[in-house]
Amino acid sequence: MDYNTLANDLINDVNTVSKQGLNGLSRCAAVLINNSKTTNNFIKTFLGSMTNVRDEINTMFAALCVGEIGRIVDLSGQSNITDALIGLFNQRSEDIKTSASLGLGNLAVGNLQVYLPIILQRFQIQEHRYLLLIALKQVISSHFNVMQPYIQTLLPLLFEHCESPEEGVRNLVAECLGKLFMASYSDLIDPLETNLKARSPLTRATVSSALKFATTKNSDVEGISLILDEFLTTLSDQDINVKKCSLLSLNALVHNLP
């Protein structure tokens, strides 16, 4: 049985899989498709599912699959893929919109120089910002070790959203800041310390949470130590949410660092 047949069998079974299983199925399908001789035919089929939305599951799968293919093979020469994914941001289904944002983020993993500017440019559209943050988080999480050249471009955008009234947005911002800290803590220490003292408690809480995402078994202890004193002051913050975020980050520190 060849790769083409196996990929088709997976695609034909997509409606038997739960929404939660689509991510794993799309990764498997992408590997098979990239090893087949008909990758472009599969992509055309997925584009059809994204531009003529009839079925939620198939549309989600198409968006995820295109993204997973783009992680492996640079698809930047096909601009219609980007347009199709961003077009799904206007769908009513939150699951379709999330799948499209993950797909866009994965495309950017395959070609950072082409897709990251597209993602950043789209932040001008307010109703798309949450979805774009999901895409951006996908990029940073996968590529944090090569993000240093982009940090100064990303920081103003991220700090702008620290005060978002939506907790989901703030959590995404915190995760992005934490991963960027891992990429280059020297570029993050001063702006993080400044924002730990911000007037807005939402900003202080978001930045306090960022340290949780910067703390793993592989974190640079030196970088964490340089910001630790300022971070610890947030444990006595007057805002209860700031204290809560700080305690969660402190817990991560205790469990992950020597």
Protein backbone atom coordinates (compact mmCIF):
# COMPACT_ATOMS: atom_id res chain seq x y z
CA MET A 1 0.00 0.00 0.00
CA ASP A 2 1.51 3.37 -1.04
CA TYR A 3 1.51 6.76 0.73
CA ASN A 4 -1.23 8.12 -1.51
CA THR A 5 -3.61 5.30 -0.63
CA LEU A 6 -2.87 5.54 3.09
CA ALA A 7 -3.47 9.29 3.06
CA ASN A 8 -6.79 8.88 1.26
CA ASP A 9 -7.85 6.22 3.75
CA LEU A 10 -7.14 8.61 6.62
CA ILE A 11 -9.04 11.43 4.96
CA ASN A 12 -12.03 9.19 4.26
CA ASP A 13 -12.18 8.27 7.94
CA VAL A 14 -12.07 11.86 9.22
CA ASN A 15 -15.77 11.91 10.16
CA THR A 16 -15.25 8.96 12.52
CA VAL A 17 -12.75 10.96 14.60
CA SER A 18 -13.64 13.38 17.40
CA LYS A 19 -12.72 17.04 17.09
CA GLN A 20 -10.05 16.48 19.75
CA GLY A 21 -8.46 13.81 17.57
CA LEU A 22 -8.16 15.97 14.47
CA ASN A 23 -4.79 17.46 15.43
CA GLY A 24 -3.14 14.08 15.64
CA LEU A 25 -4.87 12.80 12.51
CA SER A 26 -3.80 15.87 10.53
CA ARG A 27 -0.16 15.37 11.56
CA CYS A 28 -0.27 11.77 10.37
CA ALA A 29 -1.98 12.75 7.12
CA ALA A 30 0.55 15.52 6.45
CA VAL A 31 3.49 13.11 6.70
CA LEU A 32 1.82 10.69 4.30
CA ILE A 33 0.83 13.45 1.88
CA ASN A 34 4.31 14.95 1.81
CA ASN A 35 5.69 11.53 0.93
CA SER A 36 3.11 10.95 -1.81
CA LYS A 37 3.49 12.06 -5.40
CA THR A 38 0.25 14.01 -5.39
CA THR A 39 0.76 16.61 -2.63
CA ASN A 40 -0.64 19.44 -4.76
CA ASN A 41 -3.81 17.46 -5.47
CA PHE A 42 -4.42 16.99 -1.77
CA ILE A 43 -3.83 20.69 -1.15
CA LYS A 44 -6.38 21.59 -3.85
CA THR A 45 -8.90 19.33 -2.14
CA PHE A 46 -8.24 20.99 1.23
CA LEU A 47 -8.56 24.45 -0.34
CA GLY A 48 -11.95 23.41 -1.67
CA SER A 49 -13.07 22.42 1.81
CA MET A 50 -11.89 25.76 3.21
CA THR A 51 -13.40 28.02 0.53
CA ASN A 52 -16.72 26.16 0.21
CA VAL A 53 -17.56 25.37 3.83
CA ARG A 54 -20.21 22.68 4.11
CA ASP A 55 -19.03 20.43 6.91
CA GLU A 56 -17.38 21.59 10.15
CA ILE A 57 -15.19 18.53 10.72
CA ASN A 58 -13.85 18.41 7.15
CA THR A 59 -13.15 22.13 7.15
CA MET A 60 -11.28 21.92 10.46
CA PHE A 61 -9.29 18.95 9.18
CA ALA A 62 -8.45 20.74 5.93
CA ALA A 63 -7.15 23.82 7.78
CA LEU A 64 -5.08 21.72 10.20
CA CYS A 65 -3.71 19.51 7.41
CA VAL A 66 -2.59 22.42 5.24
CA GLY A 67 -0.79 23.87 8.24
CA GLU A 68 0.90 20.58 9.10
CA ILE A 69 2.01 20.16 5.47
CA GLY A 70 3.37 23.71 5.60
CA ARG A 71 5.46 22.88 8.67
CA ILE A 72 7.33 20.33 6.57
CA VAL A 73 7.28 21.90 3.09
CA ASP A 74 7.42 25.63 2.37
CA LEU A 75 4.04 26.58 0.88
CA SER A 76 4.69 30.32 0.66
CA GLY A 77 4.48 30.17 -3.13
CA GLN A 78 0.75 29.46 -2.85
CA SER A 79 -0.78 32.68 -1.52
CA ASN A 80 -4.31 31.32 -1.92
CA ILE A 81 -3.67 29.06 1.07
CA THR A 82 -3.10 32.04 3.35
CA ASP A 83 -6.21 33.77 2.01
CA ALA A 84 -8.31 30.64 2.57
CA LEU A 85 -7.14 30.22 6.17
CA ILE A 86 -7.68 33.87 7.06
CA GLY A 87 -11.07 33.73 5.34
CA LEU A 88 -12.10 31.07 7.86
CA PHE A 89 -11.62 33.63 10.66
CA ASN A 90 -15.05 34.96 9.68
CA GLN A 91 -16.86 31.65 10.18
CA ARG A 92 -19.36 31.30 13.01
CA SER A 93 -17.82 28.09 14.31
CA GLU A 94 -15.19 28.78 16.96
CA ASP A 95 -13.63 25.38 16.24
CA ILE A 96 -13.16 26.23 12.57
CA LYS A 97 -11.65 29.60 13.45
CA THR A 98 -9.23 28.04 15.94
CA SER A 99 -8.21 25.36 13.42
CA ALA A 100 -7.54 28.08 10.85
CA SER A 101 -5.35 30.03 13.27
CA LEU A 102 -3.36 26.89 14.12
CA GLY A 103 -3.00 26.20 10.41
CA LEU A 104 -1.72 29.72 9.79
CA GLY A 105 0.74 29.44 12.66
CA ASN A 106 2.07 26.16 11.30
CA LEU A 107 2.51 27.67 7.84
CA ALA A 108 4.68 30.33 9.47
CA VAL A 109 6.77 27.64 11.14
CA GLY A 110 7.63 26.47 7.62
CA ASN A 111 8.67 29.94 6.44
CA LEU A 112 9.05 32.52 9.17
CA GLN A 113 10.25 35.34 6.92
CA VAL A 114 7.19 35.21 4.67
CA TYR A 115 4.37 34.41 7.07
CA LEU A 116 5.29 36.25 10.27
CA PRO A 117 4.89 39.70 8.62
CA ILE A 118 1.49 38.57 7.28
CA ILE A 119 0.37 37.60 10.79
CA LEU A 120 1.60 40.87 12.29
CA GLN A 121 -0.01 42.97 9.58
CA ARG A 122 -3.39 41.38 10.26
CA PHE A 123 -3.39 42.61 13.87
CA GLN A 124 -4.90 45.81 12.49
CA ILE A 125 -8.19 43.90 12.31
CA GLN A 126 -9.40 43.93 15.91
CA GLU A 127 -11.83 41.02 15.69
CA HIS A 128 -9.03 38.75 14.42
CA ARG A 129 -6.51 39.51 17.16
CA TYR A 130 -7.27 36.57 19.42
CA LEU A 131 -6.95 34.14 16.52
CA LEU A 132 -3.74 35.80 15.35
CA LEU A 133 -2.31 35.46 18.86
CA ILE A 134 -3.01 31.73 18.67
CA ALA A 135 -1.09 31.63 15.38
CA LEU A 136 1.72 33.73 16.85
CA LYS A 137 1.97 31.49 19.91
CA GLN A 138 2.24 28.49 17.61
CA VAL A 139 5.15 30.13 15.79
CA ILE A 140 7.00 31.24 18.93
CA SER A 141 6.53 27.91 20.71
CA SER A 142 7.95 26.03 17.74
CA HIS A 143 10.67 28.51 16.84
CA PHE A 144 11.56 30.34 20.06
CA ASN A 145 15.25 29.52 19.59
CA VAL A 146 15.41 31.61 16.38
CA MET A 147 13.02 34.43 17.36
CA GLN A 148 15.67 36.88 18.61
CA PRO A 149 15.72 38.99 15.38
CA TYR A 150 11.96 39.52 15.67
CA ILE A 151 11.72 40.33 19.38
CA GLN A 152 11.79 44.12 19.10
CA THR A 153 8.99 43.96 16.54
CA LEU A 154 6.86 41.63 18.66
CA LEU A 155 7.20 43.22 22.10
CA PRO A 156 5.15 46.41 21.49
CA LEU A 157 2.32 44.32 20.06
CA LEU A 158 2.36 41.86 22.96
CA PHE A 159 2.54 44.51 25.68
CA GLU A 160 -0.32 46.37 23.99
CA HIS A 161 -2.52 43.34 24.64
CA CYS A 162 -1.48 42.81 28.27
CA GLU A 163 -4.46 44.90 29.36
CA SER A 164 -7.01 43.03 27.28
CA PRO A 165 -10.26 42.42 29.19
CA GLU A 166 -10.26 38.88 27.74
CA GLU A 167 -8.41 36.41 29.93
CA GLY A 168 -7.73 34.15 26.94
CA VAL A 169 -5.88 36.95 25.17
CA ARG A 170 -3.81 37.75 28.26
CA ASN A 171 -2.88 34.08 28.69
CA LEU A 172 -1.69 33.89 25.09
CA VAL A 173 0.35 37.07 25.54
CA ALA A 174 1.93 35.68 28.72
CA GLU A 175 2.91 32.47 26.97
CA CYS A 176 4.42 34.36 24.03
CA LEU A 177 6.42 36.61 26.39
CA GLY A 178 7.65 33.60 28.34
CA LYS A 179 8.86 31.79 25.23
CA LEU A 180 10.56 34.94 23.96
CA PHE A 181 12.32 35.23 27.32
CA MET A 182 13.72 31.76 26.66
CA ALA A 183 14.86 32.93 23.22
CA SER A 184 16.77 35.96 24.50
CA TYR A 185 16.35 36.95 28.14
CA SER A 186 18.68 39.93 27.72
CA ASP A 187 16.11 41.56 25.40
CA LEU A 188 13.21 40.85 27.77
CA ILE A 189 14.49 41.68 31.25
CA ASP A 190 14.13 45.47 31.10
CA PRO A 191 10.67 45.58 29.46
CA LEU A 192 9.37 42.83 31.74
CA GLU A 193 10.65 44.57 34.87
CA THR A 194 9.11 47.85 33.69
CA ASN A 195 5.74 46.22 33.11
CA LEU A 196 5.83 44.36 36.44
CA LYS A 197 5.49 47.88 37.89
CA ALA A 198 2.83 49.02 35.42
CA ARG A 199 -0.17 50.97 36.67
CA SER A 200 -2.58 48.42 35.24
CA PRO A 201 -3.07 45.31 37.42
CA LEU A 202 -3.94 43.34 34.27
CA THR A 203 -0.54 44.13 32.81
CA ARG A 204 1.23 43.21 36.06
CA ALA A 205 -0.68 39.93 36.21
CA THR A 206 0.06 39.07 32.58
CA VAL A 207 3.77 39.75 32.95
CA SER A 208 3.86 37.80 36.21
CA SER A 209 2.33 34.85 34.36
CA ALA A 210 4.94 35.08 31.63
CA LEU A 211 7.61 33.75 33.97
CA LYS A 212 5.63 30.52 34.33
CA PHE A 213 5.99 29.91 30.60
CA ALA A 214 9.68 30.81 30.67
CA THR A 215 10.36 28.13 33.24
CA THR A 216 11.16 24.61 32.04
CA LYS A 217 13.82 22.03 32.82
CA ASN A 218 15.92 23.60 30.04
CA SER A 219 15.51 27.23 31.12
CA ASP A 220 18.55 29.44 31.54
CA VAL A 221 18.94 29.85 35.30
CA GLU A 222 21.01 33.00 34.86
CA GLY A 223 18.21 34.76 32.98
CA ILE A 224 15.60 33.84 35.59
CA SER A 225 17.88 34.96 38.43
CA LEU A 226 18.31 38.41 36.89
CA ILE A 227 14.58 39.13 37.04
CA LEU A 228 13.76 37.17 40.18
CA ASP A 229 14.03 40.04 42.70
CA GLU A 230 11.63 42.25 40.78
CA PHE A 231 9.27 39.35 40.19
CA LEU A 232 9.13 38.46 43.90
CA THR A 233 7.80 41.95 44.73
CA THR A 234 4.57 41.02 42.92
CA LEU A 235 3.80 38.50 45.67
CA SER A 236 2.86 41.46 47.86
CA ASP A 237 0.87 43.24 45.15
CA GLN A 238 -2.40 44.79 46.30
CA ASP A 239 -4.29 43.11 43.45
CA ILE A 240 -5.35 39.54 44.27
CA ASN A 241 -5.13 38.41 40.63
CA VAL A 242 -1.52 39.58 40.39
CA LYS A 243 -0.68 37.61 43.54
CA LYS A 244 -2.40 34.52 42.13
CA CYS A 245 -0.45 34.73 38.84
CA SER A 246 2.79 35.27 40.71
CA LEU A 247 2.21 32.24 42.95
CA LEU A 248 1.53 30.05 39.92
CA SER A 249 4.76 31.22 38.32
CA LEU A 250 6.66 30.72 41.55
CA ASN A 251 5.31 27.17 41.73
CA ALA A 252 6.65 26.54 38.21
CA LEU A 253 10.02 27.94 39.25
CA VAL A 254 10.25 25.70 42.28
CA HIS A 255 9.37 22.58 40.32
CA ASN A 256 11.52 23.18 37.25
CA LEU A 257 14.69 24.94 38.34
CA PRO A 258 17.50 23.50 40.46
